[in-house]
Amino acid sequence: MIEGLSQGLGGGVIALLAAVVTLAAFVQGTSGLGFALIVAPVVGLVDPGLLPVSGAVLIAGF
């Protein structure tokens, strides 16, 4: 895991973000768009400091 990404986040929050990423990947795969439209607002609500970096890291994984 990326150092500092989980710092201050509980297991439940990380599980929520993983579920949102899974849902967004499904929507992206079926419709062709939507990954950033789904993930970015949720990550921004959880921790706005993660937003600029996490979007690039998550998209690079898919």
N, C-alpha and C. Protein backbone atom coordinates (compact mmCIF):
# COMPACT_ATOMS: atom_id res chain seq x y z
N MET A 1 0.85 -1.19 0.00
CA MET A 1 0.00 0.00 0.00
C MET A 1 0.89 1.24 0.00
N ILE A 2 0.42 2.28 -0.57
CA ILE A 2 1.18 3.52 -0.66
C ILE A 2 1.35 4.11 0.74
N GLU A 3 2.58 4.44 1.07
CA GLU A 3 2.88 4.98 2.38
C GLU A 3 2.12 6.28 2.61
N GLY A 4 1.40 6.36 3.71
CA GLY A 4 0.68 7.58 4.06
C GLY A 4 -0.74 7.62 3.54
N LEU A 5 -1.10 6.75 2.58
CA LEU A 5 -2.46 6.78 2.04
C LEU A 5 -3.48 6.36 3.08
N SER A 6 -3.14 5.36 3.89
CA SER A 6 -4.08 4.89 4.90
C SER A 6 -3.90 5.58 6.24
N GLN A 7 -3.02 6.54 6.30
CA GLN A 7 -2.75 7.23 7.55
C GLN A 7 -3.97 8.02 7.99
N GLY A 8 -4.53 7.66 9.13
CA GLY A 8 -5.68 8.36 9.66
C GLY A 8 -7.01 7.83 9.15
N LEU A 9 -7.00 6.87 8.26
CA LEU A 9 -8.24 6.29 7.75
C LEU A 9 -8.46 4.93 8.41
N GLY A 10 -9.68 4.69 8.87
CA GLY A 10 -9.99 3.41 9.48
C GLY A 10 -10.25 2.34 8.43
N GLY A 11 -10.35 1.12 8.90
CA GLY A 11 -10.60 0.00 8.00
C GLY A 11 -11.93 0.11 7.28
N GLY A 12 -12.94 0.65 7.96
CA GLY A 12 -14.25 0.81 7.34
C GLY A 12 -14.23 1.81 6.20
N VAL A 13 -13.46 2.88 6.36
CA VAL A 13 -13.37 3.90 5.31
C VAL A 13 -12.63 3.34 4.11
N ILE A 14 -11.57 2.58 4.36
CA ILE A 14 -10.83 1.98 3.26
C ILE A 14 -11.70 0.96 2.53
N ALA A 15 -12.50 0.19 3.28
CA ALA A 15 -13.42 -0.76 2.66
C ALA A 15 -14.48 -0.03 1.83
N LEU A 16 -14.97 1.10 2.33
CA LEU A 16 -15.94 1.90 1.57
C LEU A 16 -15.33 2.39 0.26
N LEU A 17 -14.13 2.91 0.34
CA LEU A 17 -13.46 3.40 -0.87
C LEU A 17 -13.20 2.26 -1.85
N ALA A 18 -12.85 1.08 -1.34
CA ALA A 18 -12.64 -0.07 -2.22
C ALA A 18 -13.94 -0.46 -2.92
N ALA A 19 -15.05 -0.41 -2.19
CA ALA A 19 -16.34 -0.74 -2.79
C ALA A 19 -16.73 0.29 -3.85
N VAL A 20 -16.46 1.56 -3.58
CA VAL A 20 -16.78 2.60 -4.55
C VAL A 20 -15.92 2.45 -5.80
N VAL A 21 -14.66 2.12 -5.63
CA VAL A 21 -13.77 1.91 -6.78
C VAL A 21 -14.25 0.72 -7.60
N THR A 22 -14.68 -0.35 -6.92
CA THR A 22 -15.20 -1.52 -7.63
C THR A 22 -16.44 -1.17 -8.43
N LEU A 23 -17.36 -0.44 -7.82
CA LEU A 23 -18.57 0.00 -8.51
C LEU A 23 -18.23 0.89 -9.70
N ALA A 24 -17.31 1.82 -9.49
CA ALA A 24 -16.92 2.73 -10.57
C ALA A 24 -16.26 1.99 -11.72
N ALA A 25 -15.46 0.98 -11.40
CA ALA A 25 -14.83 0.18 -12.45
C ALA A 25 -15.87 -0.58 -13.25
N PHE A 26 -16.91 -1.08 -12.56
CA PHE A 26 -18.00 -1.77 -13.26
C PHE A 26 -18.74 -0.82 -14.19
N VAL A 27 -19.04 0.37 -13.70
CA VAL A 27 -19.74 1.36 -14.53
C VAL A 27 -18.86 1.76 -15.71
N GLN A 28 -17.57 1.95 -15.47
CA GLN A 28 -16.65 2.31 -16.55
C GLN A 28 -16.59 1.20 -17.60
N GLY A 29 -16.56 -0.03 -17.15
CA GLY A 29 -16.48 -1.15 -18.08
C GLY A 29 -17.73 -1.34 -18.91
N THR A 30 -18.90 -1.06 -18.33
CA THR A 30 -20.14 -1.28 -19.06
C THR A 30 -20.53 -0.10 -19.94
N SER A 31 -20.28 1.11 -19.47
CA SER A 31 -20.74 2.27 -20.22
C SER A 31 -19.62 3.01 -20.95
N GLY A 32 -18.40 2.82 -20.50
CA GLY A 32 -17.28 3.50 -21.14
C GLY A 32 -16.89 4.81 -20.48
N LEU A 33 -17.67 5.26 -19.53
CA LEU A 33 -17.31 6.47 -18.79
C LEU A 33 -17.89 6.38 -17.39
N GLY A 34 -17.34 7.18 -16.49
CA GLY A 34 -17.92 7.25 -15.18
C GLY A 34 -16.98 6.99 -14.02
N PHE A 35 -15.76 6.45 -14.27
CA PHE A 35 -14.88 6.12 -13.15
C PHE A 35 -14.59 7.34 -12.29
N ALA A 36 -14.09 8.39 -12.88
CA ALA A 36 -13.75 9.60 -12.12
C ALA A 36 -14.99 10.31 -11.62
N LEU A 37 -16.09 10.20 -12.36
CA LEU A 37 -17.33 10.85 -11.93
C LEU A 37 -17.91 10.22 -10.66
N ILE A 38 -17.60 8.96 -10.43
CA ILE A 38 -18.10 8.28 -9.24
C ILE A 38 -17.09 8.35 -8.10
N VAL A 39 -15.81 8.09 -8.39
CA VAL A 39 -14.80 7.99 -7.34
C VAL A 39 -14.43 9.35 -6.75
N ALA A 40 -14.23 10.36 -7.59
CA ALA A 40 -13.72 11.65 -7.10
C ALA A 40 -14.62 12.31 -6.05
N PRO A 41 -15.93 12.37 -6.23
CA PRO A 41 -16.74 13.00 -5.18
C PRO A 41 -16.71 12.25 -3.85
N VAL A 42 -16.67 10.92 -3.91
CA VAL A 42 -16.64 10.14 -2.66
C VAL A 42 -15.32 10.34 -1.94
N VAL A 43 -14.21 10.27 -2.68
CA VAL A 43 -12.90 10.49 -2.07
C VAL A 43 -12.81 11.92 -1.53
N GLY A 44 -13.37 12.88 -2.25
CA GLY A 44 -13.37 14.26 -1.78
C GLY A 44 -14.16 14.45 -0.50
N LEU A 45 -15.23 13.70 -0.33
CA LEU A 45 -15.99 13.77 0.92
C LEU A 45 -15.27 13.09 2.07
N VAL A 46 -14.58 11.99 1.79
CA VAL A 46 -13.88 11.26 2.85
C VAL A 46 -12.66 12.03 3.32
N ASP A 47 -11.81 12.43 2.39
CA ASP A 47 -10.59 13.17 2.75
C ASP A 47 -10.14 13.98 1.53
N PRO A 48 -10.43 15.27 1.51
CA PRO A 48 -10.07 16.09 0.33
C PRO A 48 -8.58 16.10 0.02
N GLY A 49 -7.75 15.83 0.99
CA GLY A 49 -6.31 15.79 0.76
C GLY A 49 -5.87 14.64 -0.13
N LEU A 50 -6.69 13.60 -0.24
CA LEU A 50 -6.34 12.45 -1.08
C LEU A 50 -6.69 12.66 -2.54
N LEU A 51 -7.51 13.63 -2.83
CA LEU A 51 -8.09 13.77 -4.16
C LEU A 51 -7.08 13.94 -5.30
N PRO A 52 -6.12 14.82 -5.23
CA PRO A 52 -5.23 15.00 -6.39
C PRO A 52 -4.39 13.76 -6.70
N VAL A 53 -3.98 13.03 -5.68
CA VAL A 53 -3.08 11.90 -5.88
C VAL A 53 -3.85 10.61 -6.14
N SER A 54 -4.90 10.38 -5.38
CA SER A 54 -5.57 9.08 -5.46
C SER A 54 -6.23 8.85 -6.81
N GLY A 55 -6.74 9.88 -7.44
CA GLY A 55 -7.35 9.71 -8.75
C GLY A 55 -6.36 9.17 -9.76
N ALA A 56 -5.17 9.71 -9.78
CA ALA A 56 -4.15 9.24 -10.72
C ALA A 56 -3.70 7.82 -10.40
N VAL A 57 -3.57 7.52 -9.12
CA VAL A 57 -3.14 6.18 -8.71
C VAL A 57 -4.21 5.15 -9.06
N LEU A 58 -5.47 5.46 -8.80
CA LEU A 58 -6.54 4.49 -9.06
C LEU A 58 -6.74 4.27 -10.55
N ILE A 59 -6.69 5.33 -11.34
CA ILE A 59 -6.87 5.18 -12.79
C ILE A 59 -5.70 4.40 -13.39
N ALA A 60 -4.51 4.59 -12.88
CA ALA A 60 -3.35 3.86 -13.38
C ALA A 60 -3.49 2.36 -13.13
N GLY A 61 -4.24 1.98 -12.10
CA GLY A 61 -4.43 0.58 -11.79
C GLY A 61 -5.41 -0.12 -12.71
N PHE A 62 -6.22 0.64 -13.43
CA PHE A 62 -7.23 0.02 -14.30
C PHE A 62 -6.85 0.23 -15.70
